């Protein structure tokens, strides 16, 4: 179970540690408006072993592209090929997700499956544990908020 938590933490770290600078600012100022796009940014690709998720079906591959990382907030794009895996989020952050492409079904442990398609959004609370089933390759925008992390 702890390895599942570590997997999501690693993915979160990849977003924060990708070494990519935020995209061009809309107003030209330093860090006041960041255009939410992955144009010109290079995604980081990784597999389930690196993500430390328990694969239940298929051979999913993941990509994460950091758009902005400011203090306790991380944002960007996450992508997955088809597959199904069990994962657990970290206990110290919330994640807002907006599906851009594809179809995924998310089932909290002990809960019922919830299907999300392009244009739909959801929030994962700290310590979420469940199954992500990418029925079709899925791309999401995400914003992760860690209120305990101090701004740098």
C-alpha atoms as a PDB file:
ATOM      1  CA  UNK A   1       0.000   0.000   0.000  1.00  0.00           C
ATOM      2  CA  UNK A   2       2.821   2.396   0.847  1.00  0.00           C
ATOM      3  CA  UNK A   3       4.341   1.820  -2.584  1.00  0.00           C
ATOM      4  CA  UNK A   4       1.094   3.055  -4.117  1.00  0.00           C
ATOM      5  CA  UNK A   5       1.307   6.264  -2.136  1.00  0.00           C
ATOM      6  CA  UNK A   6       4.931   6.635  -3.209  1.00  0.00           C
ATOM      7  CA  UNK A   7       3.942   6.218  -6.852  1.00  0.00           C
ATOM      8  CA  UNK A   8       1.602   9.166  -6.811  1.00  0.00           C
ATOM      9  CA  UNK A   9       4.099  11.199  -4.799  1.00  0.00           C
ATOM     10  CA  UNK A  10       6.741  10.414  -7.451  1.00  0.00           C
ATOM     11  CA  UNK A  11       4.403  11.554 -10.200  1.00  0.00           C
ATOM     12  CA  UNK A  12       3.712  14.714  -8.229  1.00  0.00           C
ATOM     13  CA  UNK A  13       7.436  15.253  -7.739  1.00  0.00           C
ATOM     14  CA  UNK A  14       8.021  14.820 -11.456  1.00  0.00           C
ATOM     15  CA  UNK A  15       5.636  17.675 -12.034  1.00  0.00           C
ATOM     16  CA  UNK A  16       7.528  19.813  -9.543  1.00  0.00           C
ATOM     17  CA  UNK A  17      11.006  18.648 -10.515  1.00  0.00           C
ATOM     18  CA  UNK A  18      10.822  18.513 -14.292  1.00  0.00           C
ATOM     19  CA  UNK A  19      13.211  21.451 -14.594  1.00  0.00           C
ATOM     20  CA  UNK A  20      10.967  23.122 -17.146  1.00  0.00           C
ATOM     21  CA  UNK A  21      10.299  26.816 -16.857  1.00  0.00           C
ATOM     22  CA  UNK A  22       6.667  27.925 -17.051  1.00  0.00           C
ATOM     23  CA  UNK A  23       5.396  28.829 -20.508  1.00  0.00           C
ATOM     24  CA  UNK A  24       5.373  32.420 -21.743  1.00  0.00           C
ATOM     25  CA  UNK A  25       3.460  34.764 -19.482  1.00  0.00           C
ATOM     26  CA  UNK A  26       0.444  36.435 -21.034  1.00  0.00           C
ATOM     27  CA  UNK A  27       1.234  39.865 -19.611  1.00  0.00           C
ATOM     28  CA  UNK A  28       5.030  39.691 -19.820  1.00  0.00           C
ATOM     29  CA  UNK A  29       5.445  40.040 -16.037  1.00  0.00           C
ATOM     30  CA  UNK A  30       7.284  37.511 -13.927  1.00  0.00           C
ATOM     31  CA  UNK A  31       4.799  34.883 -12.801  1.00  0.00           C
ATOM     32  CA  UNK A  32       1.493  36.721 -12.556  1.00  0.00           C
ATOM     33  CA  UNK A  33      -0.354  34.972 -15.408  1.00  0.00           C
ATOM     34  CA  UNK A  34       0.709  31.633 -16.773  1.00  0.00           C
ATOM     35  CA  UNK A  35      -0.949  30.375 -19.942  1.00  0.00           C
ATOM     36  CA  UNK A  36      -2.176  26.820 -19.287  1.00  0.00           C
ATOM     37  CA  UNK A  37      -0.809  25.009 -22.318  1.00  0.00           C
ATOM     38  CA  UNK A  38       1.691  22.278 -23.013  1.00  0.00           C
ATOM     39  CA  UNK A  39       2.885  23.875 -26.260  1.00  0.00           C
ATOM     40  CA  UNK A  40       6.669  24.000 -26.367  1.00  0.00           C
ATOM     41  CA  UNK A  41       7.092  21.870 -23.228  1.00  0.00           C
ATOM     42  CA  UNK A  42       8.557  18.381 -23.198  1.00  0.00           C
ATOM     43  CA  UNK A  43       6.615  15.742 -21.272  1.00  0.00           C
ATOM     44  CA  UNK A  44       8.351  13.297 -18.954  1.00  0.00           C
ATOM     45  CA  UNK A  45       7.405   9.698 -19.846  1.00  0.00           C
ATOM     46  CA  UNK A  46       7.392   6.877 -17.302  1.00  0.00           C
ATOM     47  CA  UNK A  47       5.904   3.452 -16.720  1.00  0.00           C
ATOM     48  CA  UNK A  48       3.962   1.785 -13.918  1.00  0.00           C
ATOM     49  CA  UNK A  49       7.114   0.468 -12.248  1.00  0.00           C
ATOM     50  CA  UNK A  50       8.432   4.015 -11.844  1.00  0.00           C
ATOM     51  CA  UNK A  51       4.975   5.237 -10.789  1.00  0.00           C
ATOM     52  CA  UNK A  52       4.760   2.362  -8.309  1.00  0.00           C
ATOM     53  CA  UNK A  53       1.160   1.549  -9.131  1.00  0.00           C
ATOM     54  CA  UNK A  54      -0.335  -1.934  -9.092  1.00  0.00           C
ATOM     55  CA  UNK A  55      -1.311  -2.671 -12.694  1.00  0.00           C
ATOM     56  CA  UNK A  56      -4.537  -4.650 -12.915  1.00  0.00           C
ATOM     57  CA  UNK A  57      -4.973  -4.656 -16.695  1.00  0.00           C
ATOM     58  CA  UNK A  58      -2.966  -3.696 -19.779  1.00  0.00           C
ATOM     59  CA  UNK A  59       0.446  -2.051 -19.914  1.00  0.00           C
ATOM     60  CA  UNK A  60      -0.196   1.634 -19.213  1.00  0.00           C
ATOM     61  CA  UNK A  61       2.427   4.290 -19.899  1.00  0.00           C
ATOM     62  CA  UNK A  62       2.262   7.769 -18.415  1.00  0.00           C
ATOM     63  CA  UNK A  63       3.449  11.279 -19.272  1.00  0.00           C
ATOM     64  CA  UNK A  64       3.473  14.405 -17.169  1.00  0.00           C
ATOM     65  CA  UNK A  65       4.152  17.942 -18.362  1.00  0.00           C
ATOM     66  CA  UNK A  66       4.717  20.684 -15.810  1.00  0.00           C
ATOM     67  CA  UNK A  67       3.092  24.017 -16.646  1.00  0.00           C
ATOM     68  CA  UNK A  68       3.712  25.870 -13.390  1.00  0.00           C
ATOM     69  CA  UNK A  69       5.086  25.179  -9.929  1.00  0.00           C
ATOM     70  CA  UNK A  70       4.706  27.940  -7.404  1.00  0.00           C
ATOM     71  CA  UNK A  71       4.995  27.284  -3.675  1.00  0.00           C
ATOM     72  CA  UNK A  72       2.519  24.607  -2.666  1.00  0.00           C
ATOM     73  CA  UNK A  73       0.761  24.558  -6.052  1.00  0.00           C
ATOM     74  CA  UNK A  74       1.699  22.373  -9.026  1.00  0.00           C
ATOM     75  CA  UNK A  75      -0.116  22.280 -12.341  1.00  0.00           C
ATOM     76  CA  UNK A  76       0.203  20.697 -15.725  1.00  0.00           C
ATOM     77  CA  UNK A  77      -0.916  17.853 -17.931  1.00  0.00           C
ATOM     78  CA  UNK A  78      -0.943  14.130 -17.218  1.00  0.00           C
ATOM     79  CA  UNK A  79      -1.538  11.462 -19.853  1.00  0.00           C
ATOM     80  CA  UNK A  80      -2.039   7.717 -19.828  1.00  0.00           C
ATOM     81  CA  UNK A  81      -2.448   4.998 -22.416  1.00  0.00           C
ATOM     82  CA  UNK A  82      -5.200   2.414 -21.916  1.00  0.00           C
ATOM     83  CA  UNK A  83      -4.949   0.284 -18.799  1.00  0.00           C
ATOM     84  CA  UNK A  84      -6.162  -0.203 -15.265  1.00  0.00           C
ATOM     85  CA  UNK A  85      -4.254   0.252 -12.007  1.00  0.00           C
ATOM     86  CA  UNK A  86      -4.698   0.766  -8.284  1.00  0.00           C
ATOM     87  CA  UNK A  87      -3.220   3.942  -6.787  1.00  0.00           C
ATOM     88  CA  UNK A  88      -3.257   6.034  -3.632  1.00  0.00           C
ATOM     89  CA  UNK A  89      -2.721   9.783  -3.440  1.00  0.00           C
ATOM     90  CA  UNK A  90      -0.533  11.463  -0.853  1.00  0.00           C
ATOM     91  CA  UNK A  91      -2.061  12.473   2.465  1.00  0.00           C
ATOM     92  CA  UNK A  92      -0.964  16.088   2.159  1.00  0.00           C
ATOM     93  CA  UNK A  93      -2.595  17.449  -0.985  1.00  0.00           C
ATOM     94  CA  UNK A  94      -5.756  17.938  -3.003  1.00  0.00           C
ATOM     95  CA  UNK A  95      -5.861  17.481  -6.765  1.00  0.00           C
ATOM     96  CA  UNK A  96      -8.280  19.125  -9.193  1.00  0.00           C
ATOM     97  CA  UNK A  97      -8.514  17.208 -12.496  1.00  0.00           C
ATOM     98  CA  UNK A  98     -10.122  18.202 -15.792  1.00  0.00           C
ATOM     99  CA  UNK A  99     -10.324  15.555 -18.522  1.00  0.00           C
ATOM    100  CA  UNK A 100      -9.160  16.989 -21.845  1.00  0.00           C
ATOM    101  CA  UNK A 101      -9.247  13.802 -23.947  1.00  0.00           C
ATOM    102  CA  UNK A 102     -10.363  10.215 -23.528  1.00  0.00           C
ATOM    103  CA  UNK A 103     -12.490   8.234 -21.122  1.00  0.00           C
ATOM    104  CA  UNK A 104     -11.495   7.056 -17.663  1.00  0.00           C
ATOM    105  CA  UNK A 105     -13.363   5.401 -14.861  1.00  0.00           C
ATOM    106  CA  UNK A 106     -12.283   5.972 -11.269  1.00  0.00           C
ATOM    107  CA  UNK A 107     -13.460   3.789  -8.420  1.00  0.00           C
ATOM    108  CA  UNK A 108     -12.674   4.650  -4.818  1.00  0.00           C
ATOM    109  CA  UNK A 109     -11.923   1.571  -2.691  1.00  0.00           C
ATOM    110  CA  UNK A 110     -15.306   0.258  -1.584  1.00  0.00           C
ATOM    111  CA  UNK A 111     -17.146   2.695  -3.883  1.00  0.00           C
ATOM    112  CA  UNK A 112     -18.869   2.619  -7.243  1.00  0.00           C
ATOM    113  CA  UNK A 113     -17.144   3.427 -10.560  1.00  0.00           C
ATOM    114  CA  UNK A 114     -17.434   6.999 -11.783  1.00  0.00           C
ATOM    115  CA  UNK A 115     -16.872   7.660 -15.487  1.00  0.00           C
ATOM    116  CA  UNK A 116     -15.211  10.868 -16.674  1.00  0.00           C
ATOM    117  CA  UNK A 117     -15.015  12.060 -20.279  1.00  0.00           C
ATOM    118  CA  UNK A 118     -13.588  15.101 -22.041  1.00  0.00           C
ATOM    119  CA  UNK A 119     -14.922  18.282 -20.477  1.00  0.00           C
ATOM    120  CA  UNK A 120     -15.638  16.776 -17.053  1.00  0.00           C
ATOM    121  CA  UNK A 121     -13.789  17.564 -13.824  1.00  0.00           C
ATOM    122  CA  UNK A 122     -13.327  16.072 -10.367  1.00  0.00           C
ATOM    123  CA  UNK A 123     -11.314  16.505  -7.173  1.00  0.00           C
ATOM    124  CA  UNK A 124      -9.218  13.852  -5.429  1.00  0.00           C
ATOM    125  CA  UNK A 125      -8.980  14.458  -1.689  1.00  0.00           C
ATOM    126  CA  UNK A 126      -5.878  13.643   0.381  1.00  0.00           C
ATOM    127  CA  UNK A 127      -5.335   9.919   0.849  1.00  0.00           C
ATOM    128  CA  UNK A 128      -7.666   8.836  -1.972  1.00  0.00           C
ATOM    129  CA  UNK A 129      -7.219   5.126  -2.707  1.00  0.00           C
ATOM    130  CA  UNK A 130      -8.816   3.347  -5.621  1.00  0.00           C
ATOM    131  CA  UNK A 131      -8.645   2.154  -9.209  1.00  0.00           C
ATOM    132  CA  UNK A 132      -8.060   4.271 -12.310  1.00  0.00           C
ATOM    133  CA  UNK A 133      -9.268   2.568 -15.492  1.00  0.00           C
ATOM    134  CA  UNK A 134      -8.235   4.393 -18.667  1.00  0.00           C
ATOM    135  CA  UNK A 135     -10.831   2.956 -21.031  1.00  0.00           C
ATOM    136  CA  UNK A 136      -9.385   5.164 -23.772  1.00  0.00           C
ATOM    137  CA  UNK A 137      -6.049   6.966 -23.696  1.00  0.00           C
ATOM    138  CA  UNK A 138      -6.684   9.877 -21.322  1.00  0.00           C
ATOM    139  CA  UNK A 139      -5.205  13.344 -20.952  1.00  0.00           C
ATOM    140  CA  UNK A 140      -6.054  15.576 -18.012  1.00  0.00           C
ATOM    141  CA  UNK A 141      -5.148  19.009 -16.763  1.00  0.00           C
ATOM    142  CA  UNK A 142      -4.361  19.004 -13.072  1.00  0.00           C
ATOM    143  CA  UNK A 143      -3.778  21.426 -10.236  1.00  0.00           C
ATOM    144  CA  UNK A 144      -2.312  19.965  -7.055  1.00  0.00           C
ATOM    145  CA  UNK A 145      -2.515  22.055  -3.908  1.00  0.00           C
ATOM    146  CA  UNK A 146      -0.371  21.249  -0.901  1.00  0.00           C
ATOM    147  CA  UNK A 147      -1.328  23.817   1.753  1.00  0.00           C
ATOM    148  CA  UNK A 148       1.449  22.598   4.071  1.00  0.00           C
ATOM    149  CA  UNK A 149       4.271  23.330   1.624  1.00  0.00           C
ATOM    150  CA  UNK A 150       5.884  26.709   2.106  1.00  0.00           C
ATOM    151  CA  UNK A 151       6.227  29.024  -0.869  1.00  0.00           C
ATOM    152  CA  UNK A 152       9.762  29.276  -2.265  1.00  0.00           C
END
